[in-house]
Amino acid sequence: MRARTADEAERAALWPRLLEIYADFDDYRRRAGDRVIPVVICEPI
């Protein structure tokens, strides 16, 4: 697998799906303040 950080468009598309799986991510985002929580995509190589 190759791991990479999602770009802004990918992150915007994936974030709602992540919240469906684990709603506490939204609380984590709020606690992080201005810091952007990275979304990591794993792809087979």
PDB file of N, CA and C in Angstrom:
ATOM      1  N   MET A   1       0.841  -1.176   0.000  1.00  0.00           N
ATOM      2  CA  MET A   1       0.000   0.000   0.000  1.00  0.00           C
ATOM      3  C   MET A   1       0.884   1.236   0.000  1.00  0.00           C
ATOM      4  N   ARG A   2       0.366   2.257  -0.628  1.00  0.00           N
ATOM      5  CA  ARG A   2       1.005   3.567  -0.608  1.00  0.00           C
ATOM      6  C   ARG A   2       0.036   4.519   0.088  1.00  0.00           C
ATOM      7  N   ALA A   3       0.516   5.243   1.074  1.00  0.00           N
ATOM      8  CA  ALA A   3      -0.317   6.201   1.801  1.00  0.00           C
ATOM      9  C   ALA A   3       0.021   7.601   1.326  1.00  0.00           C
ATOM     10  N   ARG A   4      -1.019   8.407   1.161  1.00  0.00           N
ATOM     11  CA  ARG A   4      -0.831   9.801   0.782  1.00  0.00           C
ATOM     12  C   ARG A   4      -1.920  10.633   1.440  1.00  0.00           C
ATOM     13  N   THR A   5      -1.631  11.894   1.632  1.00  0.00           N
ATOM     14  CA  THR A   5      -2.611  12.820   2.201  1.00  0.00           C
ATOM     15  C   THR A   5      -3.558  13.276   1.100  1.00  0.00           C
ATOM     16  N   ALA A   6      -4.836  13.243   1.374  1.00  0.00           N
ATOM     17  CA  ALA A   6      -5.845  13.672   0.405  1.00  0.00           C
ATOM     18  C   ALA A   6      -5.678  15.158   0.115  1.00  0.00           C
ATOM     19  N   ASP A   7      -5.879  15.521  -1.146  1.00  0.00           N
ATOM     20  CA  ASP A   7      -5.856  16.949  -1.477  1.00  0.00           C
ATOM     21  C   ASP A   7      -7.160  17.578  -0.993  1.00  0.00           C
ATOM     22  N   GLU A   8      -7.285  18.878  -1.151  1.00  0.00           N
ATOM     23  CA  GLU A   8      -8.456  19.588  -0.606  1.00  0.00           C
ATOM     24  C   GLU A   8      -9.773  19.069  -1.170  1.00  0.00           C
ATOM     25  N   ALA A   9      -9.825  18.804  -2.466  1.00  0.00           N
ATOM     26  CA  ALA A   9     -11.066  18.317  -3.089  1.00  0.00           C
ATOM     27  C   ALA A   9     -11.417  16.917  -2.591  1.00  0.00           C
ATOM     28  N   GLU A  10     -10.411  16.052  -2.496  1.00  0.00           N
ATOM     29  CA  GLU A  10     -10.655  14.698  -1.992  1.00  0.00           C
ATOM     30  C   GLU A  10     -11.104  14.735  -0.541  1.00  0.00           C
ATOM     31  N   ARG A  11     -10.450  15.585   0.238  1.00  0.00           N
ATOM     32  CA  ARG A  11     -10.809  15.697   1.657  1.00  0.00           C
ATOM     33  C   ARG A  11     -12.246  16.183   1.809  1.00  0.00           C
ATOM     34  N   ALA A  12     -12.630  17.171   1.012  1.00  0.00           N
ATOM     35  CA  ALA A  12     -13.999  17.700   1.070  1.00  0.00           C
ATOM     36  C   ALA A  12     -15.014  16.618   0.713  1.00  0.00           C
ATOM     37  N   ALA A  13     -14.666  15.759  -0.230  1.00  0.00           N
ATOM     38  CA  ALA A  13     -15.574  14.678  -0.635  1.00  0.00           C
ATOM     39  C   ALA A  13     -15.611  13.558   0.406  1.00  0.00           C
ATOM     40  N   LEU A  14     -14.487  13.276   1.045  1.00  0.00           N
ATOM     41  CA  LEU A  14     -14.413  12.154   1.979  1.00  0.00           C
ATOM     42  C   LEU A  14     -14.868  12.492   3.393  1.00  0.00           C
ATOM     43  N   TRP A  15     -14.709  13.732   3.811  1.00  0.00           N
ATOM     44  CA  TRP A  15     -15.022  14.093   5.203  1.00  0.00           C
ATOM     45  C   TRP A  15     -16.447  13.727   5.611  1.00  0.00           C
ATOM     46  N   PRO A  16     -17.476  14.036   4.803  1.00  0.00           N
ATOM     47  CA  PRO A  16     -18.835  13.638   5.209  1.00  0.00           C
ATOM     48  C   PRO A  16     -18.979  12.121   5.370  1.00  0.00           C
ATOM     49  N   ARG A  17     -18.304  11.363   4.550  1.00  0.00           N
ATOM     50  CA  ARG A  17     -18.354   9.899   4.665  1.00  0.00           C
ATOM     51  C   ARG A  17     -17.687   9.442   5.958  1.00  0.00           C
ATOM     52  N   LEU A  18     -16.595  10.102   6.326  1.00  0.00           N
ATOM     53  CA  LEU A  18     -15.940   9.769   7.588  1.00  0.00           C
ATOM     54  C   LEU A  18     -16.847  10.067   8.778  1.00  0.00           C
ATOM     55  N   LEU A  19     -17.594  11.162   8.698  1.00  0.00           N
ATOM     56  CA  LEU A  19     -18.520  11.502   9.786  1.00  0.00           C
ATOM     57  C   LEU A  19     -19.646  10.489   9.902  1.00  0.00           C
ATOM     58  N   GLU A  20     -20.056   9.900   8.781  1.00  0.00           N
ATOM     59  CA  GLU A  20     -21.082   8.851   8.830  1.00  0.00           C
ATOM     60  C   GLU A  20     -20.568   7.632   9.583  1.00  0.00           C
ATOM     61  N   ILE A  21     -19.284   7.344   9.418  1.00  0.00           N
ATOM     62  CA  ILE A  21     -18.681   6.179  10.060  1.00  0.00           C
ATOM     63  C   ILE A  21     -18.381   6.467  11.528  1.00  0.00           C
ATOM     64  N   TYR A  22     -17.881   7.666  11.811  1.00  0.00           N
ATOM     65  CA  TYR A  22     -17.460   8.015  13.169  1.00  0.00           C
ATOM     66  C   TYR A  22     -17.757   9.485  13.422  1.00  0.00           C
ATOM     67  N   ALA A  23     -18.929   9.750  13.961  1.00  0.00           N
ATOM     68  CA  ALA A  23     -19.405  11.123  14.149  1.00  0.00           C
ATOM     69  C   ALA A  23     -18.496  11.941  15.070  1.00  0.00           C
ATOM     70  N   ASP A  24     -17.728  11.287  15.950  1.00  0.00           N
ATOM     71  CA  ASP A  24     -16.851  12.025  16.865  1.00  0.00           C
ATOM     72  C   ASP A  24     -15.721  12.758  16.149  1.00  0.00           C
ATOM     73  N   PHE A  25     -15.480  12.436  14.866  1.00  0.00           N
ATOM     74  CA  PHE A  25     -14.477  13.184  14.106  1.00  0.00           C
ATOM     75  C   PHE A  25     -14.829  14.670  14.059  1.00  0.00           C
ATOM     76  N   ASP A  26     -16.109  14.999  14.044  1.00  0.00           N
ATOM     77  CA  ASP A  26     -16.520  16.402  14.001  1.00  0.00           C
ATOM     78  C   ASP A  26     -16.127  17.118  15.301  1.00  0.00           C
ATOM     79  N   ASP A  27     -16.304  16.441  16.437  1.00  0.00           N
ATOM     80  CA  ASP A  27     -15.860  17.022  17.715  1.00  0.00           C
ATOM     81  C   ASP A  27     -14.347  17.195  17.719  1.00  0.00           C
ATOM     82  N   TYR A  28     -13.644  16.211  17.204  1.00  0.00           N
ATOM     83  CA  TYR A  28     -12.181  16.277  17.124  1.00  0.00           C
ATOM     84  C   TYR A  28     -11.752  17.463  16.267  1.00  0.00           C
ATOM     85  N   ARG A  29     -12.438  17.679  15.151  1.00  0.00           N
ATOM     86  CA  ARG A  29     -12.119  18.811  14.268  1.00  0.00           C
ATOM     87  C   ARG A  29     -12.309  20.128  15.005  1.00  0.00           C
ATOM     88  N   ARG A  30     -13.388  20.259  15.747  1.00  0.00           N
ATOM     89  CA  ARG A  30     -13.633  21.491  16.502  1.00  0.00           C
ATOM     90  C   ARG A  30     -12.550  21.728  17.554  1.00  0.00           C
ATOM     91  N   ARG A  31     -12.151  20.672  18.249  1.00  0.00           N
ATOM     92  CA  ARG A  31     -11.119  20.805  19.283  1.00  0.00           C
ATOM     93  C   ARG A  31      -9.760  21.149  18.680  1.00  0.00           C
ATOM     94  N   ALA A  32      -9.563  20.789  17.420  1.00  0.00           N
ATOM     95  CA  ALA A  32      -8.273  21.046  16.760  1.00  0.00           C
ATOM     96  C   ALA A  32      -8.099  22.517  16.409  1.00  0.00           C
ATOM     97  N   GLY A  33      -9.152  23.299  16.527  1.00  0.00           N
ATOM     98  CA  GLY A  33      -9.056  24.729  16.230  1.00  0.00           C
ATOM     99  C   GLY A  33      -8.796  24.967  14.754  1.00  0.00           C
ATOM    100  N   ASP A  34      -7.766  25.723  14.455  1.00  0.00           N
ATOM    101  CA  ASP A  34      -7.451  26.059  13.063  1.00  0.00           C
ATOM    102  C   ASP A  34      -6.688  24.952  12.337  1.00  0.00           C
ATOM    103  N   ARG A  35      -6.234  23.948  13.084  1.00  0.00           N
ATOM    104  CA  ARG A  35      -5.464  22.875  12.467  1.00  0.00           C
ATOM    105  C   ARG A  35      -6.364  22.012  11.584  1.00  0.00           C
ATOM    106  N   VAL A  36      -5.907  21.697  10.399  1.00  0.00           N
ATOM    107  CA  VAL A  36      -6.656  20.838   9.484  1.00  0.00           C
ATOM    108  C   VAL A  36      -6.315  19.383   9.801  1.00  0.00           C
ATOM    109  N   ILE A  37      -7.343  18.587  10.037  1.00  0.00           N
ATOM    110  CA  ILE A  37      -7.144  17.167  10.302  1.00  0.00           C
ATOM    111  C   ILE A  37      -6.892  16.486   8.955  1.00  0.00           C
ATOM    112  N   PRO A  38      -5.740  15.887   8.753  1.00  0.00           N
ATOM    113  CA  PRO A  38      -5.467  15.267   7.457  1.00  0.00           C
ATOM    114  C   PRO A  38      -6.289  13.997   7.257  1.00  0.00           C
ATOM    115  N   VAL A  39      -6.643  13.749   6.023  1.00  0.00           N
ATOM    116  CA  VAL A  39      -7.282  12.497   5.627  1.00  0.00           C
ATOM    117  C   VAL A  39      -6.250  11.759   4.803  1.00  0.00           C
ATOM    118  N   VAL A  40      -5.968  10.528   5.191  1.00  0.00           N
ATOM    119  CA  VAL A  40      -4.952   9.741   4.506  1.00  0.00           C
ATOM    120  C   VAL A  40      -5.636   8.694   3.645  1.00  0.00           C
ATOM    121  N   ILE A  41      -5.204   8.600   2.413  1.00  0.00           N
ATOM    122  CA  ILE A  41      -5.736   7.630   1.458  1.00  0.00           C
ATOM    123  C   ILE A  41      -4.666   6.562   1.256  1.00  0.00           C
ATOM    124  N   CYS A  42      -5.047   5.303   1.391  1.00  0.00           N
ATOM    125  CA  CYS A  42      -4.140   4.187   1.145  1.00  0.00           C
ATOM    126  C   CYS A  42      -4.530   3.543  -0.187  1.00  0.00           C
ATOM    127  N   GLU A  43      -3.537   3.431  -1.055  1.00  0.00           N
ATOM    128  CA  GLU A  43      -3.771   2.876  -2.379  1.00  0.00           C
ATOM    129  C   GLU A  43      -2.835   1.701  -2.619  1.00  0.00           C
ATOM    130  N   PRO A  44      -3.320   0.638  -3.262  1.00  0.00           N
ATOM    131  CA  PRO A  44      -2.426  -0.469  -3.578  1.00  0.00           C
ATOM    132  C   PRO A  44      -1.381  -0.026  -4.603  1.00  0.00           C
ATOM    133  N   ILE A  45      -0.196  -0.597  -4.497  1.00  0.00           N
ATOM    134  CA  ILE A  45       0.855  -0.255  -5.470  1.00  0.00           C
ATOM    135  C   ILE A  45       1.161  -1.444  -6.357  1.00  0.00           C
TER     136      ILE A  45
END
